[in-house]
Amino acid sequence: MNLSRQLQDYRLTTAEILYHLPDHPDLLQTFIWQDLDLAPRFPALRRFLDFWHREIEGRLHSVRVASARLITPAEIRHTGHRLTLQ
Protein backbone atom coordinates (compact mmCIF):
# COMPACT_ATOMS: atom_id res chain seq x y z
CA MET A 1 0.00 0.00 0.00
CA ASN A 2 1.19 3.47 -0.84
CA LEU A 3 2.55 5.32 2.24
CA SER A 4 2.08 8.78 0.74
CA ARG A 5 -1.63 8.10 0.19
CA GLN A 6 -1.98 6.84 3.76
CA LEU A 7 -0.41 10.07 5.02
CA GLN A 8 -3.03 12.01 3.03
CA ASP A 9 -5.72 10.32 5.18
CA TYR A 10 -6.61 7.57 2.74
CA ARG A 11 -8.09 4.66 4.67
CA LEU A 12 -8.39 0.98 4.02
CA THR A 13 -11.99 0.66 2.89
CA THR A 14 -13.89 -2.59 2.58
CA ALA A 15 -17.32 -2.84 0.97
CA GLU A 16 -19.58 -5.87 1.17
CA ILE A 17 -21.75 -5.71 -1.94
CA LEU A 18 -24.91 -7.79 -1.98
CA TYR A 19 -26.42 -8.19 -5.45
CA HIS A 20 -29.13 -10.14 -7.27
CA LEU A 21 -27.95 -12.94 -9.55
CA PRO A 22 -28.86 -12.03 -13.17
CA ASP A 23 -30.28 -15.47 -14.04
CA HIS A 24 -32.03 -15.95 -10.66
CA PRO A 25 -33.07 -12.51 -9.36
CA ASP A 26 -34.54 -13.96 -6.16
CA LEU A 27 -31.07 -15.17 -5.10
CA LEU A 28 -28.44 -12.88 -3.62
CA GLN A 29 -24.65 -13.14 -3.97
CA THR A 30 -21.89 -11.34 -2.03
CA PHE A 31 -18.89 -9.54 -3.51
CA ILE A 32 -16.12 -8.00 -1.35
CA TRP A 33 -14.32 -4.88 -2.62
CA GLN A 34 -11.27 -3.44 -0.85
CA ASP A 35 -8.99 -0.48 -1.65
CA LEU A 36 -7.55 2.71 -0.19
CA ASP A 37 -10.20 5.44 -0.24
CA LEU A 38 -11.06 8.80 1.32
CA ALA A 39 -13.80 8.76 3.96
CA PRO A 40 -16.58 9.93 4.18
CA ARG A 41 -17.16 10.53 0.43
CA PHE A 42 -15.44 7.33 -0.79
CA PRO A 43 -14.71 8.45 -4.39
CA ALA A 44 -12.99 5.19 -5.43
CA LEU A 45 -15.90 3.10 -4.15
CA ARG A 46 -18.39 5.37 -5.90
CA ARG A 47 -16.48 4.99 -9.19
CA PHE A 48 -16.55 1.21 -8.76
CA LEU A 49 -20.29 1.19 -8.00
CA ASP A 50 -20.93 3.42 -11.05
CA PHE A 51 -18.95 0.93 -13.15
CA TRP A 52 -20.98 -1.93 -11.63
CA HIS A 53 -24.25 -0.19 -12.45
CA ARG A 54 -23.17 0.46 -16.08
CA GLU A 55 -21.37 -2.77 -16.96
CA ILE A 56 -22.55 -5.64 -14.72
CA GLU A 57 -25.95 -7.30 -15.03
CA GLY A 58 -26.40 -8.11 -11.33
CA ARG A 59 -28.68 -5.46 -9.77
CA LEU A 60 -27.35 -4.11 -6.47
CA HIS A 61 -29.28 -4.96 -3.33
CA SER A 62 -27.14 -3.30 -0.63
CA VAL A 63 -23.62 -2.13 0.18
CA ARG A 64 -22.03 -2.17 3.65
CA VAL A 65 -18.87 -0.10 4.10
CA ALA A 66 -16.16 -0.29 6.76
CA SER A 67 -13.17 2.03 6.86
CA ALA A 68 -10.11 2.14 9.12
CA ARG A 69 -7.02 4.30 9.28
CA LEU A 70 -3.81 2.40 8.73
CA ILE A 71 -1.53 4.97 10.32
CA THR A 72 -2.64 5.95 13.81
CA PRO A 73 -0.98 7.63 16.77
CA ALA A 74 1.01 5.23 18.89
CA GLU A 75 -0.80 3.82 21.87
CA ILE A 76 1.04 4.25 25.15
CA ARG A 77 0.00 2.26 28.18
CA HIS A 78 1.57 2.43 31.59
CA THR A 79 1.74 -0.80 33.49
CA GLY A 80 0.79 -1.07 37.10
CA HIS A 81 3.69 -3.41 37.92
CA ARG A 82 7.43 -3.24 37.71
CA LEU A 83 9.52 -6.40 37.57
CA THR A 84 13.26 -6.54 38.15
CA LEU A 85 15.37 -9.37 36.80
CA GLN A 86 18.73 -10.06 38.43
PDB file of N, CA and C in Angstrom:
ATOM      1  N   MET A   1       0.837  -1.176   0.000  1.00  0.00           N
ATOM      2  CA  MET A   1       0.000   0.000   0.000  1.00  0.00           C
ATOM      3  C   MET A   1       0.885   1.243   0.000  1.00  0.00           C
ATOM      4  N   ASN A   2       0.423   2.273  -0.620  1.00  0.00           N
ATOM      5  CA  ASN A   2       1.195   3.475  -0.836  1.00  0.00           C
ATOM      6  C   ASN A   2       1.214   4.347   0.423  1.00  0.00           C
ATOM      7  N   LEU A   3       2.415   4.548   1.001  1.00  0.00           N
ATOM      8  CA  LEU A   3       2.552   5.316   2.243  1.00  0.00           C
ATOM      9  C   LEU A   3       2.126   6.765   2.068  1.00  0.00           C
ATOM     10  N   SER A   4       2.450   7.377   0.932  1.00  0.00           N
ATOM     11  CA  SER A   4       2.084   8.785   0.736  1.00  0.00           C
ATOM     12  C   SER A   4       0.568   8.963   0.732  1.00  0.00           C
ATOM     13  N   ARG A   5      -0.162   8.015   0.166  1.00  0.00           N
ATOM     14  CA  ARG A   5      -1.630   8.098   0.188  1.00  0.00           C
ATOM     15  C   ARG A   5      -2.162   7.928   1.604  1.00  0.00           C
ATOM     16  N   GLN A   6      -1.536   7.046   2.382  1.00  0.00           N
ATOM     17  CA  GLN A   6      -1.975   6.844   3.762  1.00  0.00           C
ATOM     18  C   GLN A   6      -1.756   8.113   4.581  1.00  0.00           C
ATOM     19  N   LEU A   7      -0.678   8.824   4.311  1.00  0.00           N
ATOM     20  CA  LEU A   7      -0.411  10.068   5.025  1.00  0.00           C
ATOM     21  C   LEU A   7      -1.382  11.177   4.628  1.00  0.00           C
ATOM     22  N   GLN A   8      -2.024  11.039   3.479  1.00  0.00           N
ATOM     23  CA  GLN A   8      -3.035  12.006   3.033  1.00  0.00           C
ATOM     24  C   GLN A   8      -4.425  11.627   3.529  1.00  0.00           C
ATOM     25  N   ASP A   9      -4.488  10.762   4.523  1.00  0.00           N
ATOM     26  CA  ASP A   9      -5.720  10.322   5.183  1.00  0.00           C
ATOM     27  C   ASP A   9      -6.552   9.355   4.348  1.00  0.00           C
ATOM     28  N   TYR A  10      -5.921   8.675   3.393  1.00  0.00           N
ATOM     29  CA  TYR A  10      -6.609   7.567   2.742  1.00  0.00           C
ATOM     30  C   TYR A  10      -6.732   6.450   3.762  1.00  0.00           C
ATOM     31  N   ARG A  11      -7.828   5.735   3.713  1.00  0.00           N
ATOM     32  CA  ARG A  11      -8.085   4.659   4.673  1.00  0.00           C
ATOM     33  C   ARG A  11      -8.357   3.362   3.930  1.00  0.00           C
ATOM     34  N   LEU A  12      -8.047   2.265   4.588  1.00  0.00           N
ATOM     35  CA  LEU A  12      -8.386   0.975   4.018  1.00  0.00           C
ATOM     36  C   LEU A  12      -9.903   0.828   4.104  1.00  0.00           C
ATOM     37  N   THR A  13     -10.533   0.711   2.961  1.00  0.00           N
ATOM     38  CA  THR A  13     -11.987   0.656   2.886  1.00  0.00           C
ATOM     39  C   THR A  13     -12.413  -0.693   2.329  1.00  0.00           C
ATOM     40  N   THR A  14     -13.342  -1.313   3.013  1.00  0.00           N
ATOM     41  CA  THR A  14     -13.890  -2.593   2.583  1.00  0.00           C
ATOM     42  C   THR A  14     -15.394  -2.431   2.392  1.00  0.00           C
ATOM     43  N   ALA A  15     -15.886  -2.903   1.252  1.00  0.00           N
ATOM     44  CA  ALA A  15     -17.322  -2.845   0.975  1.00  0.00           C
ATOM     45  C   ALA A  15     -17.830  -4.259   0.721  1.00  0.00           C
ATOM     46  N   GLU A  16     -18.889  -4.609   1.422  1.00  0.00           N
ATOM     47  CA  GLU A  16     -19.577  -5.871   1.168  1.00  0.00           C
ATOM     48  C   GLU A  16     -20.774  -5.543   0.283  1.00  0.00           C
ATOM     49  N   ILE A  17     -20.721  -6.022  -0.944  1.00  0.00           N
ATOM     50  CA  ILE A  17     -21.748  -5.711  -1.936  1.00  0.00           C
ATOM     51  C   ILE A  17     -22.645  -6.934  -2.086  1.00  0.00           C
ATOM     52  N   LEU A  18     -23.912  -6.732  -1.829  1.00  0.00           N
ATOM     53  CA  LEU A  18     -24.908  -7.791  -1.975  1.00  0.00           C
ATOM     54  C   LEU A  18     -25.701  -7.474  -3.250  1.00  0.00           C
ATOM     55  N   TYR A  19     -25.755  -8.448  -4.181  1.00  0.00           N
ATOM     56  CA  TYR A  19     -26.421  -8.194  -5.453  1.00  0.00           C
ATOM     57  C   TYR A  19     -27.276  -9.390  -5.871  1.00  0.00           C
ATOM     58  N   HIS A  20     -28.233  -9.111  -6.743  1.00  0.00           N
ATOM     59  CA  HIS A  20     -29.126 -10.138  -7.268  1.00  0.00           C
ATOM     60  C   HIS A  20     -28.430 -10.856  -8.419  1.00  0.00           C
ATOM     61  N   LEU A  21     -28.512 -12.181  -8.438  1.00  0.00           N
ATOM     62  CA  LEU A  21     -27.955 -12.940  -9.555  1.00  0.00           C
ATOM     63  C   LEU A  21     -28.773 -12.647 -10.810  1.00  0.00           C
ATOM     64  N   PRO A  22     -28.118 -12.380 -11.948  1.00  0.00           N
ATOM     65  CA  PRO A  22     -28.864 -12.027 -13.169  1.00  0.00           C
ATOM     66  C   PRO A  22     -29.831 -13.119 -13.628  1.00  0.00           C
ATOM     67  N   ASP A  23     -29.413 -14.391 -13.562  1.00  0.00           N
ATOM     68  CA  ASP A  23     -30.276 -15.469 -14.035  1.00  0.00           C
ATOM     69  C   ASP A  23     -31.329 -15.898 -13.019  1.00  0.00           C
ATOM     70  N   HIS A  24     -31.106 -15.584 -11.747  1.00  0.00           N
ATOM     71  CA  HIS A  24     -32.025 -15.951 -10.663  1.00  0.00           C
ATOM     72  C   HIS A  24     -32.178 -14.743  -9.736  1.00  0.00           C
ATOM     73  N   PRO A  25     -32.985 -13.770 -10.110  1.00  0.00           N
ATOM     74  CA  PRO A  25     -33.069 -12.506  -9.357  1.00  0.00           C
ATOM     75  C   PRO A  25     -33.532 -12.638  -7.911  1.00  0.00           C
ATOM     76  N   ASP A  26     -34.121 -13.775  -7.553  1.00  0.00           N
ATOM     77  CA  ASP A  26     -34.537 -13.959  -6.164  1.00  0.00           C
ATOM     78  C   ASP A  26     -33.377 -14.374  -5.265  1.00  0.00           C
ATOM     79  N   LEU A  27     -32.245 -14.766  -5.865  1.00  0.00           N
ATOM     80  CA  LEU A  27     -31.065 -15.175  -5.096  1.00  0.00           C
ATOM     81  C   LEU A  27     -30.071 -14.022  -5.000  1.00  0.00           C
ATOM     82  N   LEU A  28     -29.427 -13.932  -3.839  1.00  0.00           N
ATOM     83  CA  LEU A  28     -28.437 -12.880  -3.618  1.00  0.00           C
ATOM     84  C   LEU A  28     -27.045 -13.491  -3.536  1.00  0.00           C
ATOM     85  N   GLN A  29     -26.053 -12.735  -4.005  1.00  0.00           N
ATOM     86  CA  GLN A  29     -24.649 -13.137  -3.967  1.00  0.00           C
ATOM     87  C   GLN A  29     -23.858 -12.002  -3.321  1.00  0.00           C
ATOM     88  N   THR A  30     -22.733 -12.345  -2.689  1.00  0.00           N
ATOM     89  CA  THR A  30     -21.892 -11.345  -2.029  1.00  0.00           C
ATOM     90  C   THR A  30     -20.604 -11.152  -2.811  1.00  0.00           C
ATOM     91  N   PHE A  31     -20.169  -9.896  -2.911  1.00  0.00           N
ATOM     92  CA  PHE A  31     -18.888  -9.545  -3.505  1.00  0.00           C
ATOM     93  C   PHE A  31     -18.179  -8.618  -2.526  1.00  0.00           C
ATOM     94  N   ILE A  32     -16.892  -8.851  -2.269  1.00  0.00           N
ATOM     95  CA  ILE A  32     -16.121  -8.002  -1.353  1.00  0.00           C
ATOM     96  C   ILE A  32     -15.162  -7.147  -2.174  1.00  0.00           C
ATOM     97  N   TRP A  33     -15.205  -5.844  -1.963  1.00  0.00           N
ATOM     98  CA  TRP A  33     -14.319  -4.881  -2.625  1.00  0.00           C
ATOM     99  C   TRP A  33     -13.458  -4.232  -1.553  1.00  0.00           C
ATOM    100  N   GLN A  34     -12.154  -4.060  -1.838  1.00  0.00           N
ATOM    101  CA  GLN A  34     -11.268  -3.442  -0.848  1.00  0.00           C
ATOM    102  C   GLN A  34     -10.210  -2.610  -1.567  1.00  0.00           C
ATOM    103  N   ASP A  35      -9.990  -1.378  -1.070  1.00  0.00           N
ATOM    104  CA  ASP A  35      -8.993  -0.479  -1.647  1.00  0.00           C
ATOM    105  C   ASP A  35      -8.770   0.671  -0.680  1.00  0.00           C
ATOM    106  N   LEU A  36      -7.735   1.484  -0.953  1.00  0.00           N
ATOM    107  CA  LEU A  36      -7.552   2.715  -0.186  1.00  0.00           C
ATOM    108  C   LEU A  36      -8.521   3.752  -0.726  1.00  0.00           C
ATOM    109  N   ASP A  37      -9.208   4.466   0.178  1.00  0.00           N
ATOM    110  CA  ASP A  37     -10.204   5.441  -0.244  1.00  0.00           C
ATOM    111  C   ASP A  37     -10.302   6.541   0.809  1.00  0.00           C
ATOM    112  N   LEU A  38     -10.904   7.646   0.424  1.00  0.00           N
ATOM    113  CA  LEU A  38     -11.059   8.798   1.319  1.00  0.00           C
ATOM    114  C   LEU A  38     -12.456   8.806   1.931  1.00  0.00           C
ATOM    115  N   ALA A  39     -12.518   8.680   3.258  1.00  0.00           N
ATOM    116  CA  ALA A  39     -13.802   8.761   3.959  1.00  0.00           C
ATOM    117  C   ALA A  39     -14.110  10.242   4.197  1.00  0.00           C
ATOM    118  N   PRO A  40     -15.324  10.685   4.238  1.00  0.00           N
ATOM    119  CA  PRO A  40     -16.581   9.930   4.175  1.00  0.00           C
ATOM    120  C   PRO A  40     -17.195   9.881   2.777  1.00  0.00           C
ATOM    121  N   ARG A  41     -16.558  10.505   1.782  1.00  0.00           N
ATOM    122  CA  ARG A  41     -17.156  10.531   0.435  1.00  0.00           C
ATOM    123  C   ARG A  41     -16.894   9.269  -0.383  1.00  0.00           C
ATOM    124  N   PHE A  42     -15.800   8.579  -0.130  1.00  0.00           N
ATOM    125  CA  PHE A  42     -15.440   7.327  -0.793  1.00  0.00           C
ATOM    126  C   PHE A  42     -15.490   7.430  -2.325  1.00  0.00           C
ATOM    127  N   PRO A  43     -14.663   8.290  -2.930  1.00  0.00           N
ATOM    128  CA  PRO A  43     -14.713   8.452  -4.394  1.00  0.00           C
ATOM    129  C   PRO A  43     -14.340   7.186  -5.164  1.00  0.00           C
ATOM    130  N   ALA A  44     -13.370   6.411  -4.708  1.00  0.00           N
ATOM    131  CA  ALA A  44     -12.990   5.186  -5.426  1.00  0.00           C
ATOM    132  C   ALA A  44     -14.129   4.167  -5.393  1.00  0.00           C
ATOM    133  N   LEU A  45     -14.770   4.024  -4.258  1.00  0.00           N
ATOM    134  CA  LEU A  45     -15.904   3.100  -4.153  1.00  0.00           C
ATOM    135  C   LEU A  45     -17.052   3.561  -5.033  1.00  0.00           C
ATOM    136  N   ARG A  46     -17.310   4.847  -5.050  1.00  0.00           N
ATOM    137  CA  ARG A  46     -18.391   5.373  -5.901  1.00  0.00           C
ATOM    138  C   ARG A  46     -18.106   5.112  -7.374  1.00  0.00           C
ATOM    139  N   ARG A  47     -16.836   5.284  -7.796  1.00  0.00           N
ATOM    140  CA  ARG A  47     -16.482   4.987  -9.193  1.00  0.00           C
ATOM    141  C   ARG A  47     -16.721   3.507  -9.502  1.00  0.00           C
ATOM    142  N   PHE A  48     -16.334   2.638  -8.551  1.00  0.00           N
ATOM    143  CA  PHE A  48     -16.550   1.211  -8.759  1.00  0.00           C
ATOM    144  C   PHE A  48     -18.039   0.886  -8.851  1.00  0.00           C
ATOM    145  N   LEU A  49     -18.844   1.461  -7.967  1.00  0.00           N
ATOM    146  CA  LEU A  49     -20.289   1.187  -8.004  1.00  0.00           C
ATOM    147  C   LEU A  49     -20.931   1.749  -9.268  1.00  0.00           C
ATOM    148  N   ASP A  50     -20.434   2.895  -9.771  1.00  0.00           N
ATOM    149  CA  ASP A  50     -20.931   3.421 -11.050  1.00  0.00           C
ATOM    150  C   ASP A  50     -20.588   2.459 -12.187  1.00  0.00           C
ATOM    151  N   PHE A  51     -19.353   1.932 -12.170  1.00  0.00           N
ATOM    152  CA  PHE A  51     -18.954   0.929 -13.152  1.00  0.00           C
ATOM    153  C   PHE A  51     -19.870  -0.293 -13.070  1.00  0.00           C
ATOM    154  N   TRP A  52     -20.120  -0.755 -11.842  1.00  0.00           N
ATOM    155  CA  TRP A  52     -20.984  -1.926 -11.635  1.00  0.00           C
ATOM    156  C   TRP A  52     -22.357  -1.670 -12.254  1.00  0.00           C
ATOM    157  N   HIS A  53     -22.912  -0.519 -11.967  1.00  0.00           N
ATOM    158  CA  HIS A  53     -24.255  -0.190 -12.455  1.00  0.00           C
ATOM    159  C   HIS A  53     -24.300  -0.160 -13.986  1.00  0.00           C
ATOM    160  N   ARG A  54     -23.227   0.363 -14.622  1.00  0.00           N
ATOM    161  CA  ARG A  54     -23.167   0.462 -16.078  1.00  0.00           C
ATOM    162  C   ARG A  54     -22.883  -0.869 -16.769  1.00  0.00           C
ATOM    163  N   GLU A  55     -21.947  -1.652 -16.215  1.00  0.00           N
ATOM    164  CA  GLU A  55     -21.375  -2.774 -16.956  1.00  0.00           C
ATOM    165  C   GLU A  55     -21.792  -4.174 -16.486  1.00  0.00           C
ATOM    166  N   ILE A  56     -22.282  -4.315 -15.279  1.00  0.00           N
ATOM    167  CA  ILE A  56     -22.551  -5.644 -14.724  1.00  0.00           C
ATOM    168  C   ILE A  56     -24.059  -5.842 -14.601  1.00  0.00           C
ATOM    169  N   GLU A  57     -24.515  -7.030 -14.983  1.00  0.00           N
ATOM    170  CA  GLU A  57     -25.954  -7.300 -15.026  1.00  0.00           C
ATOM    171  C   GLU A  57     -26.587  -7.467 -13.657  1.00  0.00           C
ATOM    172  N   GLY A  58     -25.824  -7.862 -12.654  1.00  0.00           N
ATOM    173  CA  GLY A  58     -26.396  -8.105 -11.332  1.00  0.00           C
ATOM    174  C   GLY A  58     -26.833  -6.808 -10.664  1.00  0.00           C
ATOM    175  N   ARG A  59     -28.133  -6.679 -10.399  1.00  0.00           N
ATOM    176  CA  ARG A  59     -28.680  -5.464  -9.773  1.00  0.00           C
ATOM    177  C   ARG A  59     -28.272  -5.415  -8.304  1.00  0.00           C
ATOM    178  N   LEU A  60     -27.795  -4.260  -7.862  1.00  0.00           N
ATOM    179  CA  LEU A  60     -27.346  -4.105  -6.472  1.00  0.00           C
ATOM    180  C   LEU A  60     -28.518  -4.191  -5.503  1.00  0.00           C
ATOM    181  N   HIS A  61     -28.296  -4.882  -4.405  1.00  0.00           N
ATOM    182  CA  HIS A  61     -29.280  -4.963  -3.333  1.00  0.00           C
ATOM    183  C   HIS A  61     -28.874  -4.027  -2.195  1.00  0.00           C
ATOM    184  N   SER A  62     -27.623  -4.156  -1.721  1.00  0.00           N
ATOM    185  CA  SER A  62     -27.145  -3.303  -0.631  1.00  0.00           C
ATOM    186  C   SER A  62     -25.620  -3.297  -0.619  1.00  0.00           C
ATOM    187  N   VAL A  63     -25.075  -2.266   0.033  1.00  0.00           N
ATOM    188  CA  VAL A  63     -23.623  -2.129   0.176  1.00  0.00           C
ATOM    189  C   VAL A  63     -23.339  -1.730   1.618  1.00  0.00           C
ATOM    190  N   ARG A  64     -22.490  -2.510   2.298  1.00  0.00           N
ATOM    191  CA  ARG A  64     -22.035  -2.174   3.651  1.00  0.00           C
ATOM    192  C   ARG A  64     -20.577  -1.769   3.556  1.00  0.00           C
ATOM    193  N   VAL A  65     -20.225  -0.652   4.210  1.00  0.00           N
ATOM    194  CA  VAL A  65     -18.874  -0.103   4.102  1.00  0.00           C
ATOM    195  C   VAL A  65     -18.239  -0.024   5.479  1.00  0.00           C
ATOM    196  N   ALA A  66     -16.972  -0.441   5.546  1.00  0.00           N
ATOM    197  CA  ALA A  66     -16.160  -0.292   6.758  1.00  0.00           C
ATOM    198  C   ALA A  66     -14.860   0.380   6.338  1.00  0.00           C
ATOM    199  N   SER A  67     -14.378   1.287   7.191  1.00  0.00           N
ATOM    200  CA  SER A  67     -13.173   2.030   6.864  1.00  0.00           C
ATOM    201  C   SER A  67     -12.331   2.188   8.119  1.00  0.00           C
ATOM    202  N   ALA A  68     -11.009   2.019   7.970  1.00  0.00           N
ATOM    203  CA  ALA A  68     -10.114   2.138   9.121  1.00  0.00           C
ATOM    204  C   ALA A  68      -8.811   2.801   8.691  1.00  0.00           C
ATOM    205  N   ARG A  69      -8.318   3.681   9.545  1.00  0.00           N
ATOM    206  CA  ARG A  69      -7.020   4.295   9.285  1.00  0.00           C
ATOM    207  C   ARG A  69      -5.934   3.254   9.461  1.00  0.00           C
ATOM    208  N   LEU A  70      -4.922   3.341   8.620  1.00  0.00           N
ATOM    209  CA  LEU A  70      -3.809   2.404   8.727  1.00  0.00           C
ATOM    210  C   LEU A  70      -2.673   2.985   9.547  1.00  0.00           C
ATOM    211  N   ILE A  71      -2.553   4.301   9.526  1.00  0.00           N
ATOM    212  CA  ILE A  71      -1.526   4.968  10.324  1.00  0.00           C
ATOM    213  C   ILE A  71      -2.244   5.729  11.426  1.00  0.00           C
ATOM    214  N   THR A  72      -1.991   5.328  12.667  1.00  0.00           N
ATOM    215  CA  THR A  72      -2.644   5.950  13.810  1.00  0.00           C
ATOM    216  C   THR A  72      -1.593   6.368  14.822  1.00  0.00           C
ATOM    217  N   PRO A  73      -1.931   7.274  15.721  1.00  0.00           N
ATOM    218  CA  PRO A  73      -0.980   7.626  16.768  1.00  0.00           C
ATOM    219  C   PRO A  73      -0.632   6.402  17.611  1.00  0.00           C
ATOM    220  N   ALA A  74       0.582   6.364  18.073  1.00  0.00           N
ATOM    221  CA  ALA A  74       1.014   5.229  18.890  1.00  0.00           C
ATOM    222  C   ALA A  74       0.202   5.189  20.188  1.00  0.00           C
ATOM    223  N   GLU A  75      -0.091   3.993  20.610  1.00  0.00           N
ATOM    224  CA  GLU A  75      -0.799   3.822  21.872  1.00  0.00           C
ATOM    225  C   GLU A  75       0.225   3.597  22.971  1.00  0.00           C
ATOM    226  N   ILE A  76       0.122   4.376  24.022  1.00  0.00           N
ATOM    227  CA  ILE A  76       1.041   4.247  25.153  1.00  0.00           C
ATOM    228  C   ILE A  76       0.221   3.817  26.356  1.00  0.00           C
ATOM    229  N   ARG A  77       0.671   2.732  26.976  1.00  0.00           N
ATOM    230  CA  ARG A  77       0.001   2.259  28.179  1.00  0.00           C
ATOM    231  C   ARG A  77       1.040   2.127  29.277  1.00  0.00           C
ATOM    232  N   HIS A  78       0.695   2.582  30.433  1.00  0.00           N
ATOM    233  CA  HIS A  78       1.569   2.434  31.591  1.00  0.00           C
ATOM    234  C   HIS A  78       1.122   1.193  32.365  1.00  0.00           C
ATOM    235  N   THR A  79       2.081   0.406  32.732  1.00  0.00           N
ATOM    236  CA  THR A  79       1.739  -0.798  33.487  1.00  0.00           C
ATOM    237  C   THR A  79       1.666  -0.474  34.973  1.00  0.00           C
ATOM    238  N   GLY A  80       0.925  -1.257  35.664  1.00  0.00           N
ATOM    239  CA  GLY A  80       0.791  -1.066  37.101  1.00  0.00           C
ATOM    240  C   GLY A  80       1.838  -1.814  37.911  1.00  0.00           C
ATOM    241  N   HIS A  81       2.699  -2.579  37.233  1.00  0.00           N
ATOM    242  CA  HIS A  81       3.695  -3.406  37.921  1.00  0.00           C
ATOM    243  C   HIS A  81       5.073  -3.166  37.330  1.00  0.00           C
ATOM    244  N   ARG A  82       6.047  -3.339  38.166  1.00  0.00           N
ATOM    245  CA  ARG A  82       7.433  -3.244  37.710  1.00  0.00           C
ATOM    246  C   ARG A  82       8.168  -4.477  38.181  1.00  0.00           C
ATOM    247  N   LEU A  83       8.777  -5.180  37.253  1.00  0.00           N
ATOM    248  CA  LEU A  83       9.518  -6.396  37.570  1.00  0.00           C
ATOM    249  C   LEU A  83      11.002  -6.148  37.367  1.00  0.00           C
ATOM    250  N   THR A  84      11.802  -6.674  38.257  1.00  0.00           N
ATOM    251  CA  THR A  84      13.256  -6.540  38.147  1.00  0.00           C
ATOM    252  C   THR A  84      13.866  -7.931  38.018  1.00  0.00           C
ATOM    253  N   LEU A  85      14.667  -8.104  36.998  1.00  0.00           N
ATOM    254  CA  LEU A  85      15.372  -9.369  36.804  1.00  0.00           C
ATOM    255  C   LEU A  85      16.821  -9.192  37.234  1.00  0.00           C
ATOM    256  N   GLN A  86      17.341 -10.168  37.982  1.00  0.00           N
ATOM    257  CA  GLN A  86      18.733 -10.058  38.432  1.00  0.00           C
ATOM    258  C   GLN A  86      19.621 -10.997  37.678  1.00  0.00           C
TER     259      GLN A  86
END
